[in-house]
C-alpha atoms as a PDB file:
ATOM      1  CA  MET A   1      25.586 -60.717 -32.811  1.00  0.00           C
ATOM      2  CA  GLN A   2      23.193 -57.780 -32.757  1.00  0.00           C
ATOM      3  CA  LEU A   3      22.476 -55.887 -36.298  1.00  0.00           C
ATOM      4  CA  ASN A   4      21.390 -52.550 -36.596  1.00  0.00           C
ATOM      5  CA  LEU A   5      20.341 -51.563 -40.400  1.00  0.00           C
ATOM      6  CA  THR A   6      19.252 -47.981 -41.024  1.00  0.00           C
ATOM      7  CA  GLY A   7      18.327 -46.469 -44.375  1.00  0.00           C
ATOM      8  CA  HIS A   8      18.884 -42.968 -45.510  1.00  0.00           C
ATOM      9  CA  HIS A   9      16.592 -41.997 -48.315  1.00  0.00           C
ATOM     10  CA  VAL A  10      15.950 -45.660 -49.117  1.00  0.00           C
ATOM     11  CA  ASP A  11      13.497 -48.183 -47.885  1.00  0.00           C
ATOM     12  CA  ILE A  12      14.709 -51.366 -46.030  1.00  0.00           C
ATOM     13  CA  THR A  13      13.156 -54.031 -47.680  1.00  0.00           C
ATOM     14  CA  PRO A  14      13.120 -57.593 -46.259  1.00  0.00           C
ATOM     15  CA  ALA A  15      15.073 -58.398 -49.454  1.00  0.00           C
ATOM     16  CA  LEU A  16      17.686 -55.952 -48.342  1.00  0.00           C
ATOM     17  CA  ARG A  17      17.996 -57.126 -44.833  1.00  0.00           C
ATOM     18  CA  ASP A  18      18.115 -60.909 -45.669  1.00  0.00           C
ATOM     19  CA  TYR A  19      21.127 -60.155 -47.867  1.00  0.00           C
ATOM     20  CA  VAL A  20      23.008 -57.792 -45.369  1.00  0.00           C
ATOM     21  CA  ASN A  21      22.400 -60.921 -42.947  1.00  0.00           C
ATOM     22  CA  THR A  22      23.741 -63.553 -45.130  1.00  0.00           C
ATOM     23  CA  LYS A  23      26.881 -61.456 -46.103  1.00  0.00           C
ATOM     24  CA  LEU A  24      27.472 -60.653 -42.331  1.00  0.00           C
ATOM     25  CA  GLU A  25      27.467 -64.314 -41.557  1.00  0.00           C
ATOM     26  CA  ARG A  26      30.723 -64.375 -43.453  1.00  0.00           C
ATOM     27  CA  LEU A  27      32.255 -62.279 -40.807  1.00  0.00           C
ATOM     28  CA  GLU A  28      31.257 -64.367 -38.020  1.00  0.00           C
ATOM     29  CA  ARG A  29      32.816 -67.293 -39.531  1.00  0.00           C
ATOM     30  CA  HIS A  30      36.136 -65.706 -39.434  1.00  0.00           C
ATOM     31  CA  PHE A  31      35.961 -64.001 -36.098  1.00  0.00           C
ATOM     32  CA  ASP A  32      33.175 -64.930 -33.445  1.00  0.00           C
ATOM     33  CA  HIS A  33      33.680 -62.145 -31.170  1.00  0.00           C
ATOM     34  CA  VAL A  34      31.737 -59.576 -33.274  1.00  0.00           C
ATOM     35  CA  THR A  35      29.237 -57.989 -30.888  1.00  0.00           C
ATOM     36  CA  ASN A  36      27.128 -55.297 -32.691  1.00  0.00           C
ATOM     37  CA  VAL A  37      27.079 -54.334 -36.126  1.00  0.00           C
ATOM     38  CA  HIS A  38      25.645 -50.726 -37.423  1.00  0.00           C
ATOM     39  CA  VAL A  39      24.870 -50.814 -41.110  1.00  0.00           C
ATOM     40  CA  ILE A  40      23.753 -47.594 -42.751  1.00  0.00           C
ATOM     41  CA  LEU A  41      22.279 -47.654 -46.502  1.00  0.00           C
ATOM     42  CA  SER A  42      21.950 -44.309 -48.332  1.00  0.00           C
ATOM     43  CA  VAL A  43      21.020 -43.301 -51.694  1.00  0.00           C
ATOM     44  CA  GLU A  44      22.087 -39.659 -53.072  1.00  0.00           C
ATOM     45  CA  LYS A  45      20.889 -39.180 -56.819  1.00  0.00           C
ATOM     46  CA  LEU A  46      23.015 -41.985 -58.736  1.00  0.00           C
ATOM     47  CA  ARG A  47      25.206 -43.103 -55.627  1.00  0.00           C
ATOM     48  CA  GLN A  48      24.563 -46.036 -53.824  1.00  0.00           C
ATOM     49  CA  LYS A  49      26.455 -46.081 -50.394  1.00  0.00           C
ATOM     50  CA  ALA A  50      26.790 -48.593 -47.538  1.00  0.00           C
ATOM     51  CA  GLU A  51      28.725 -47.991 -44.704  1.00  0.00           C
ATOM     52  CA  ALA A  52      29.044 -50.112 -41.187  1.00  0.00           C
ATOM     53  CA  THR A  53      30.789 -49.689 -37.869  1.00  0.00           C
ATOM     54  CA  ILE A  54      31.430 -53.184 -36.266  1.00  0.00           C
ATOM     55  CA  HIS A  55      32.415 -53.595 -32.413  1.00  0.00           C
ATOM     56  CA  VAL A  56      34.493 -56.149 -31.628  1.00  0.00           C
ATOM     57  CA  THR A  57      36.292 -57.067 -28.615  1.00  0.00           C
ATOM     58  CA  GLY A  58      38.667 -54.162 -27.742  1.00  0.00           C
ATOM     59  CA  ASN A  59      38.130 -52.290 -31.191  1.00  0.00           C
ATOM     60  CA  ASN A  60      35.950 -50.465 -33.547  1.00  0.00           C
ATOM     61  CA  ILE A  61      35.807 -51.387 -37.343  1.00  0.00           C
ATOM     62  CA  PHE A  62      34.534 -48.904 -39.951  1.00  0.00           C
ATOM     63  CA  ALA A  63      34.155 -49.483 -43.558  1.00  0.00           C
ATOM     64  CA  GLU A  64      32.220 -47.480 -46.597  1.00  0.00           C
ATOM     65  CA  ALA A  65      31.574 -48.479 -49.928  1.00  0.00           C
ATOM     66  CA  GLU A  66      29.791 -46.673 -53.099  1.00  0.00           C
ATOM     67  CA  GLU A  67      28.526 -48.225 -55.992  1.00  0.00           C
ATOM     68  CA  HIS A  68      25.890 -47.656 -58.873  1.00  0.00           C
ATOM     69  CA  ASP A  69      24.037 -50.936 -57.314  1.00  0.00           C
ATOM     70  CA  MET A  70      23.158 -51.378 -53.622  1.00  0.00           C
ATOM     71  CA  TYR A  71      23.940 -55.107 -53.624  1.00  0.00           C
ATOM     72  CA  ALA A  72      27.297 -54.283 -55.412  1.00  0.00           C
ATOM     73  CA  ALA A  73      27.963 -51.740 -52.613  1.00  0.00           C
ATOM     74  CA  ILE A  74      27.415 -54.032 -49.966  1.00  0.00           C
ATOM     75  CA  ASP A  75      29.529 -56.966 -51.384  1.00  0.00           C
ATOM     76  CA  LYS A  76      32.633 -54.284 -51.432  1.00  0.00           C
ATOM     77  CA  LEU A  77      31.598 -53.168 -47.990  1.00  0.00           C
ATOM     78  CA  ILE A  78      31.767 -56.745 -46.761  1.00  0.00           C
ATOM     79  CA  ASP A  79      34.998 -57.421 -48.478  1.00  0.00           C
ATOM     80  CA  LYS A  80      36.448 -54.639 -47.012  1.00  0.00           C
ATOM     81  CA  LEU A  81      35.075 -55.466 -43.513  1.00  0.00           C
ATOM     82  CA  ASP A  82      36.091 -58.963 -43.900  1.00  0.00           C
ATOM     83  CA  SER A  83      39.956 -57.911 -44.609  1.00  0.00           C
ATOM     84  CA  GLN A  84      39.986 -55.776 -41.506  1.00  0.00           C
ATOM     85  CA  VAL A  85      38.499 -58.327 -39.290  1.00  0.00           C
ATOM     86  CA  ARG A  86      40.963 -61.058 -40.229  1.00  0.00           C
ATOM     87  CA  LYS A  87      43.889 -58.162 -39.954  1.00  0.00           C
ATOM     88  CA  HIS A  88      42.387 -57.624 -36.311  1.00  0.00           C
ATOM     89  CA  LYS A  89      42.255 -61.287 -35.438  1.00  0.00           C
ATOM     90  CA  GLU A  90      45.510 -61.739 -36.342  1.00  0.00           C
ATOM     91  CA  LYS A  91      46.980 -58.871 -34.452  1.00  0.00           C
ATOM     92  CA  VAL A  92      45.008 -60.267 -31.451  1.00  0.00           C
ATOM     93  CA  THR A  93      46.447 -63.844 -31.421  1.00  0.00           C
ATOM     94  CA  ASP A  94      49.946 -62.707 -32.365  1.00  0.00           C
ATOM     95  CA  HIS A  95      50.060 -60.765 -29.430  1.00  0.00           C
ATOM     96  CA  ARG A  96      49.031 -63.630 -27.181  1.00  0.00           C
ATOM     97  CA  ARG A  97      51.583 -66.313 -28.463  1.00  0.00           C
ATOM     98  CA  ASN A  98      54.731 -64.094 -28.542  1.00  0.00           C
ATOM     99  CA  GLN A  99      57.162 -65.895 -26.781  1.00  0.00           C
ATOM    100  CA  GLY A 100      59.595 -62.914 -25.746  1.00  0.00           C
ATOM    101  CA  GLY A 101      58.193 -62.421 -22.408  1.00  0.00           C
ATOM    102  CA  LEU A 102      60.190 -62.632 -18.965  1.00  0.00           C
ATOM    103  CA  LYS A 103      58.413 -65.556 -17.703  1.00  0.00           C
ATOM    104  CA  ASP A 104      59.825 -67.653 -20.608  1.00  0.00           C
ATOM    105  CA  GLN A 105      63.328 -66.602 -20.204  1.00  0.00           C
ATOM    106  CA  PRO A 106      65.448 -69.432 -19.127  1.00  0.00           C
ATOM    107  CA  ILE A 107      66.703 -69.229 -15.573  1.00  0.00           C
ATOM    108  CA  ASP A 108      70.609 -69.024 -15.235  1.00  0.00           C
END
């Protein structure tokens, strides 16, 4: 997984980078076809915002979260991404296991 971390009006410290990396490992545990992740952390007055775009096989997943604390915004962002990745994984696996195709029909 390739991680691209960008900061708008905020310096990306090694602590923030490590925190984002450890949180994104949770996504890889659920779905290992994540190829590229672009995370943008931004600060506007008292609003801390985290947004991310994940490129998975066959789809792009986007989520954003706003909190008063940057670490809380990252946690909320990862929760949103995790639910979207699980939903995408269920969609992909359900399509492939469908038993309604013509090949599976009995021959009369």
